[in-house]
Amino acid sequence: MSTTADIVGRVRRRAEVPKPAAYAVFDCETTGTTPGVDEIVSLAVVRLDADGVETDRYARLVRPSRPIPAEATAVHGIGDEDVAGAPRFGEIAGELLGLLDGAVFVAHNAEFDLAMLQHAFAGAGIDYRPAGVACTLNAFRLLEPLAEDHRLQSICERRGIVLEDAHEALNDVLAAAALLRVLLFDEEVAPETVELDHPAFMRLRARGDTRPASERQIRRVFGMARSAGLLRSDGGVDRDRVIAIVERVTGTQDVDGLTREQVQDVYDALDLLIGIEEQRARVGQGPADIAA
């Protein structure tokens, strides 16, 4: 791997680790983006052998237990009328499990897709645990950390892969399967061994980025401060203590005016405090009196 890739994580060469029995490339469209709450409305799986050769494929619409929100339909184009005659997930769970059995689970943003799938299986009384997990999103974040973006369509364009009708489950799966083959044969890595250091990845991308931090990033500062125990006596986040840490790390007291590079440095400082707080909790001590 390149020096840049080493900064944001690690991955093993394909020749260094045993080949898996198979890869099962998965994608789903859903009623929303919250695993455990939202439901699958469409799914697809392409099963590949260890050499990337397709051995089976499967695609189904799925009827959720509640109406599909309009904002979800706007993304994937699937409405209530499309799934009116489709099976419930429990009706197809058995045949789907057969395609996944013994295979490394692969998806672009595997954390989300796997959480959605496991929740759906749990509703059918099945505890699905894949033989391994490979995330094409994280793999290309590690290999190309400074690329403009890592959306499925963008990576496909950079790698000469045609993706037609994005956000259609089978098309997305076929594109992700093509990216898996790039990882296996062009990059010669074992994608199931990718370990992305996400904070390091974000720090690298933010290096020299003087754009203002987003509202969401600033909110995360205060969310992390809560986890770090930087609280007032009434339980609210102690803004003065947050400002003190921000000043120590960045040289400014203007929390709301942090740049994207600065906010990543603040995250790192708060991560250390969260670790201290968790350690104190394990040994039964009270909150640390953390000096700036």
Protein backbone atom coordinates (compact mmCIF):
# COMPACT_ATOMS: atom_id res chain seq x y z
CA MET A 1 0.00 0.00 0.00
CA SER A 2 1.04 3.59 -0.51
CA THR A 3 2.27 5.83 2.29
CA THR A 4 -0.95 7.83 2.06
CA ALA A 5 -3.05 4.68 2.48
CA ASP A 6 -0.98 3.68 5.50
CA ILE A 7 -1.94 6.97 7.18
CA VAL A 8 -5.67 6.21 7.15
CA GLY A 9 -5.72 2.48 7.81
CA ARG A 10 -4.41 -0.82 6.61
CA VAL A 11 -5.27 -3.70 4.31
CA ARG A 12 -3.65 -7.04 3.54
CA ARG A 13 -2.54 -8.21 0.13
CA ARG A 14 -4.76 -10.86 -1.45
CA ALA A 15 -1.81 -13.27 -1.60
CA GLU A 16 -1.15 -12.86 2.12
CA VAL A 17 -4.44 -14.25 3.43
CA PRO A 18 -6.60 -17.29 2.58
CA LYS A 19 -9.28 -16.78 -0.03
CA PRO A 20 -12.86 -16.81 1.28
CA ALA A 21 -15.37 -19.36 0.06
CA ALA A 22 -17.32 -16.65 -1.75
CA TYR A 23 -18.34 -13.01 -1.81
CA ALA A 24 -21.99 -11.90 -1.59
CA VAL A 25 -22.38 -8.35 -2.92
CA PHE A 26 -25.51 -6.73 -1.51
CA ASP A 27 -27.51 -3.54 -1.89
CA CYS A 28 -30.89 -2.45 -0.62
CA GLU A 29 -33.26 0.47 -1.02
CA THR A 30 -35.18 1.46 2.09
CA THR A 31 -37.92 3.57 3.63
CA GLY A 32 -35.26 5.77 5.27
CA THR A 33 -31.77 5.84 6.68
CA THR A 34 -32.22 4.60 10.26
CA PRO A 35 -31.40 0.90 10.79
CA GLY A 36 -33.71 -0.65 13.32
CA VAL A 37 -36.50 1.75 12.36
CA ASP A 38 -36.63 1.86 8.57
CA GLU A 39 -37.31 -1.12 6.33
CA ILE A 40 -36.06 -2.63 3.09
CA VAL A 41 -38.23 -2.09 0.00
CA SER A 42 -35.86 -3.56 -2.60
CA LEU A 43 -32.75 -5.71 -2.44
CA ALA A 44 -30.28 -7.48 -4.67
CA VAL A 45 -27.43 -9.93 -4.18
CA VAL A 46 -24.78 -11.12 -6.59
CA ARG A 47 -22.74 -14.07 -5.34
CA LEU A 48 -19.18 -14.38 -6.64
CA ASP A 49 -16.65 -17.12 -6.11
CA ALA A 50 -13.23 -16.31 -4.65
CA ASP A 51 -11.97 -15.42 -8.13
CA GLY A 52 -14.73 -12.87 -8.75
CA VAL A 53 -16.80 -15.05 -11.08
CA GLU A 54 -20.54 -14.61 -10.69
CA THR A 55 -22.28 -17.79 -9.62
CA ASP A 56 -25.77 -16.50 -8.75
CA ARG A 57 -27.86 -13.37 -8.55
CA TYR A 58 -31.10 -12.43 -6.83
CA ALA A 59 -33.27 -9.29 -6.86
CA ARG A 60 -36.63 -8.65 -5.20
CA LEU A 61 -39.01 -5.88 -4.28
CA VAL A 62 -40.08 -6.15 -0.64
CA ARG A 63 -43.33 -4.89 0.90
CA PRO A 64 -42.65 -2.98 4.14
CA SER A 65 -45.05 -2.85 7.07
CA ARG A 66 -45.80 0.86 6.57
CA PRO A 67 -46.12 3.30 3.66
CA ILE A 68 -42.95 4.39 1.88
CA PRO A 69 -42.24 8.07 2.64
CA ALA A 70 -42.28 10.42 -0.33
CA GLU A 71 -38.72 11.55 0.37
CA ALA A 72 -37.51 7.94 0.10
CA THR A 73 -39.42 7.42 -3.15
CA ALA A 74 -37.75 10.55 -4.50
CA VAL A 75 -34.36 8.84 -4.06
CA HIS A 76 -35.02 5.35 -5.40
CA GLY A 77 -38.28 5.73 -7.31
CA ILE A 78 -40.10 2.94 -5.47
CA GLY A 79 -43.59 3.78 -4.24
CA ASP A 80 -46.34 1.93 -2.40
CA GLU A 81 -47.96 0.86 -5.66
CA ASP A 82 -44.74 -0.82 -6.78
CA VAL A 83 -44.52 -3.06 -3.72
CA ALA A 84 -48.25 -3.72 -3.26
CA GLY A 85 -47.92 -7.29 -4.55
CA ALA A 86 -44.39 -7.92 -3.31
CA PRO A 87 -43.59 -10.40 -0.52
CA ARG A 88 -42.77 -9.42 3.03
CA PHE A 89 -39.12 -9.86 3.96
CA GLY A 90 -39.93 -12.89 6.08
CA GLU A 91 -41.30 -14.68 3.02
CA ILE A 92 -37.99 -14.47 1.16
CA ALA A 93 -35.61 -14.64 4.12
CA GLY A 94 -34.82 -18.33 3.64
CA GLU A 95 -33.83 -18.16 -0.02
CA LEU A 96 -31.88 -14.95 0.57
CA LEU A 97 -29.97 -16.55 3.43
CA GLY A 98 -28.97 -19.37 1.10
CA LEU A 99 -27.26 -16.89 -1.22
CA LEU A 100 -25.41 -15.24 1.66
CA ASP A 101 -24.41 -18.42 3.47
CA GLY A 102 -20.67 -18.78 4.03
CA ALA A 103 -19.81 -15.69 1.99
CA VAL A 104 -18.05 -12.45 2.83
CA PHE A 105 -20.74 -9.75 2.89
CA VAL A 106 -19.85 -6.92 0.49
CA ALA A 107 -21.56 -3.54 0.07
CA HIS A 108 -20.77 0.08 -0.67
CA ASN A 109 -21.21 1.45 2.86
CA ALA A 110 -21.45 -2.01 4.33
CA GLU A 111 -22.12 -0.75 7.86
CA PHE A 112 -25.50 0.62 6.79
CA ASP A 113 -26.54 -2.23 4.50
CA LEU A 114 -25.52 -4.92 6.96
CA ALA A 115 -27.40 -3.22 9.81
CA MET A 116 -30.55 -2.97 7.67
CA LEU A 117 -30.25 -6.59 6.61
CA GLN A 118 -29.56 -7.96 10.07
CA HIS A 119 -32.55 -6.06 11.46
CA ALA A 120 -34.76 -7.48 8.72
CA PHE A 121 -33.50 -11.01 9.37
CA ALA A 122 -34.02 -10.56 13.12
CA GLY A 123 -37.66 -9.73 12.41
CA ALA A 124 -37.89 -13.10 10.70
CA GLY A 125 -36.28 -14.85 13.66
CA ILE A 126 -32.88 -15.28 11.97
CA ASP A 127 -29.55 -14.23 13.49
CA TYR A 128 -27.49 -13.48 10.37
CA ARG A 129 -23.74 -13.24 10.91
CA PRO A 130 -21.61 -13.11 7.75
CA ALA A 131 -18.35 -14.98 7.34
CA GLY A 132 -16.64 -11.60 6.91
CA VAL A 133 -17.40 -8.05 5.79
CA ALA A 134 -15.90 -5.99 2.96
CA CYS A 135 -16.89 -2.38 2.38
CA THR A 136 -16.02 -1.01 -1.07
CA LEU A 137 -16.59 2.53 0.23
CA ASN A 138 -13.97 2.16 2.97
CA ALA A 139 -11.61 0.30 0.65
CA PHE A 140 -11.53 3.16 -1.86
CA ARG A 141 -11.38 5.73 0.93
CA LEU A 142 -8.20 3.97 2.02
CA LEU A 143 -6.76 3.60 -1.49
CA GLU A 144 -7.81 7.04 -2.76
CA PRO A 145 -8.20 9.17 0.39
CA LEU A 146 -7.80 12.50 -1.41
CA ALA A 147 -10.22 11.76 -4.25
CA GLU A 148 -12.95 14.37 -4.64
CA ASP A 149 -15.60 12.00 -3.32
CA HIS A 150 -16.23 8.29 -2.79
CA ARG A 151 -19.79 7.87 -3.98
CA LEU A 152 -20.37 4.63 -5.86
CA GLN A 153 -21.00 6.46 -9.12
CA SER A 154 -17.88 8.64 -8.76
CA ILE A 155 -15.56 5.70 -8.11
CA CYS A 156 -17.07 3.83 -11.04
CA GLU A 157 -16.39 6.81 -13.30
CA ARG A 158 -12.76 6.97 -12.14
CA ARG A 159 -12.33 3.24 -12.73
CA GLY A 160 -14.08 3.06 -16.09
CA ILE A 161 -17.12 1.13 -14.83
CA VAL A 162 -20.55 1.87 -16.26
CA LEU A 163 -23.27 2.44 -13.65
CA GLU A 164 -26.68 3.00 -15.17
CA ASP A 165 -29.71 4.01 -13.12
CA ALA A 166 -28.01 4.48 -9.77
CA HIS A 167 -30.12 3.70 -6.68
CA GLU A 168 -31.61 0.67 -8.39
CA ALA A 169 -30.53 -2.24 -6.20
CA LEU A 170 -29.35 -4.68 -8.87
CA ASN A 171 -27.52 -2.02 -10.87
CA ASP A 172 -25.76 -0.80 -7.73
CA VAL A 173 -24.82 -4.37 -6.81
CA LEU A 174 -23.36 -5.06 -10.26
CA ALA A 175 -21.32 -1.87 -10.00
CA ALA A 176 -20.09 -2.78 -6.51
CA ALA A 177 -19.20 -6.26 -7.79
CA ALA A 178 -17.12 -4.65 -10.54
CA LEU A 179 -15.35 -2.53 -7.90
CA LEU A 180 -14.72 -5.68 -5.87
CA ARG A 181 -12.94 -7.18 -8.88
CA VAL A 182 -10.85 -3.99 -9.17
CA LEU A 183 -9.78 -4.46 -5.57
CA LEU A 184 -9.01 -8.14 -6.07
CA PHE A 185 -7.16 -7.98 -9.36
CA ASP A 186 -6.05 -4.41 -10.12
CA GLU A 187 -5.15 -3.47 -6.54
CA GLU A 188 -4.43 -7.08 -5.47
CA VAL A 189 -5.84 -6.58 -1.98
CA ALA A 190 -8.13 -8.62 0.25
CA PRO A 191 -11.06 -6.22 0.70
CA GLU A 192 -12.35 -8.08 3.76
CA THR A 193 -9.15 -7.06 5.59
CA VAL A 194 -9.60 -3.29 5.18
CA GLU A 195 -9.38 -1.40 8.47
CA LEU A 196 -10.13 2.28 7.85
CA ASP A 197 -9.11 4.75 10.55
CA HIS A 198 -12.02 7.10 9.91
CA PRO A 199 -10.78 9.97 12.12
CA ALA A 200 -7.40 9.81 10.39
CA PHE A 201 -9.13 9.74 7.01
CA MET A 202 -11.12 12.84 7.91
CA ARG A 203 -8.02 14.62 9.25
CA LEU A 204 -6.15 13.92 6.03
CA ARG A 205 -9.01 15.23 3.90
CA ALA A 206 -9.35 18.32 6.10
CA ARG A 207 -5.63 19.17 6.05
CA GLY A 208 -5.30 22.77 4.87
CA ASP A 209 -9.09 23.06 4.47
CA THR A 210 -9.92 26.60 5.57
CA ARG A 211 -13.60 26.40 4.72
CA PRO A 212 -15.93 26.98 7.68
CA ALA A 213 -16.92 23.84 9.56
CA SER A 214 -20.51 22.81 8.91
CA GLU A 215 -23.27 23.23 11.49
CA ARG A 216 -23.31 19.46 11.86
CA GLN A 217 -19.58 19.41 12.63
CA ILE A 218 -19.99 22.11 15.28
CA ARG A 219 -22.90 20.22 16.84
CA ARG A 220 -20.68 17.16 17.01
CA VAL A 221 -18.12 19.13 19.05
CA PHE A 222 -20.74 19.66 21.75
CA GLY A 223 -22.03 16.10 21.46
CA MET A 224 -18.51 14.80 22.04
CA ALA A 225 -18.08 17.26 24.91
CA ARG A 226 -21.10 15.69 26.58
CA SER A 227 -19.58 12.21 26.19
CA ALA A 228 -16.33 13.57 27.64
CA GLY A 229 -18.15 14.72 30.78
CA LEU A 230 -17.74 18.46 30.16
CA LEU A 231 -20.99 19.27 31.94
CA ARG A 232 -22.42 21.93 34.21
CA SER A 233 -24.02 21.03 37.50
CA ASP A 234 -27.45 21.11 35.82
CA GLY A 235 -26.36 18.45 33.28
CA GLY A 236 -25.94 20.75 30.29
CA VAL A 237 -22.71 20.98 28.30
CA ASP A 238 -20.31 23.47 29.86
CA ARG A 239 -19.59 25.82 26.95
CA ASP A 240 -16.78 27.58 28.83
CA ARG A 241 -14.88 24.31 29.21
CA VAL A 242 -15.45 23.50 25.55
CA ILE A 243 -14.12 26.94 24.58
CA ALA A 244 -11.05 26.38 26.77
CA ILE A 245 -10.25 23.14 24.94
CA VAL A 246 -10.88 24.71 21.56
CA GLU A 247 -8.53 27.57 22.42
CA ARG A 248 -5.82 25.21 23.62
CA VAL A 249 -6.02 23.14 20.43
CA THR A 250 -6.60 25.83 17.80
CA GLY A 251 -5.63 29.17 19.38
CA THR A 252 -9.11 30.62 18.96
CA GLN A 253 -12.11 30.88 21.27
CA ASP A 254 -14.55 31.12 18.38
CA VAL A 255 -16.08 27.64 18.43
CA ASP A 256 -18.67 28.53 15.79
CA GLY A 257 -15.96 29.94 13.51
CA LEU A 258 -13.74 26.85 13.35
CA THR A 259 -12.41 25.74 10.00
CA ARG A 260 -12.82 22.17 8.80
CA GLU A 261 -9.18 21.50 9.57
CA GLN A 262 -9.47 22.94 13.08
CA VAL A 263 -12.61 21.02 13.95
CA GLN A 264 -10.85 17.73 13.23
CA ASP A 265 -8.12 18.69 15.71
CA VAL A 266 -10.80 19.46 18.31
CA TYR A 267 -12.37 16.04 17.68
CA ASP A 268 -9.02 14.41 18.40
CA ALA A 269 -8.67 16.28 21.71
CA LEU A 270 -12.21 15.37 22.74
CA ASP A 271 -11.64 11.73 21.77
CA LEU A 272 -8.78 11.61 24.27
CA LEU A 273 -11.01 13.05 26.99
CA ILE A 274 -13.77 10.58 26.18
CA GLY A 275 -11.26 7.76 26.62
CA ILE A 276 -10.23 9.16 30.00
CA GLU A 277 -13.87 9.50 31.06
CA GLU A 278 -14.65 5.92 30.04
CA GLN A 279 -11.63 4.63 31.93
CA ARG A 280 -12.64 6.53 35.08
CA ALA A 281 -16.16 5.14 34.79
CA ARG A 282 -14.80 1.59 34.61
CA VAL A 283 -12.89 2.02 37.86
CA GLY A 284 -15.76 3.79 39.57
CA GLN A 285 -14.26 7.25 39.80
CA GLY A 286 -16.14 10.49 39.33
CA PRO A 287 -15.76 12.82 36.36
CA ALA A 288 -12.27 14.13 35.80
CA ASP A 289 -11.52 17.75 36.51
CA ILE A 290 -10.01 18.38 33.10
CA ALA A 291 -7.86 21.44 32.84
CA ALA A 292 -7.51 23.37 29.65
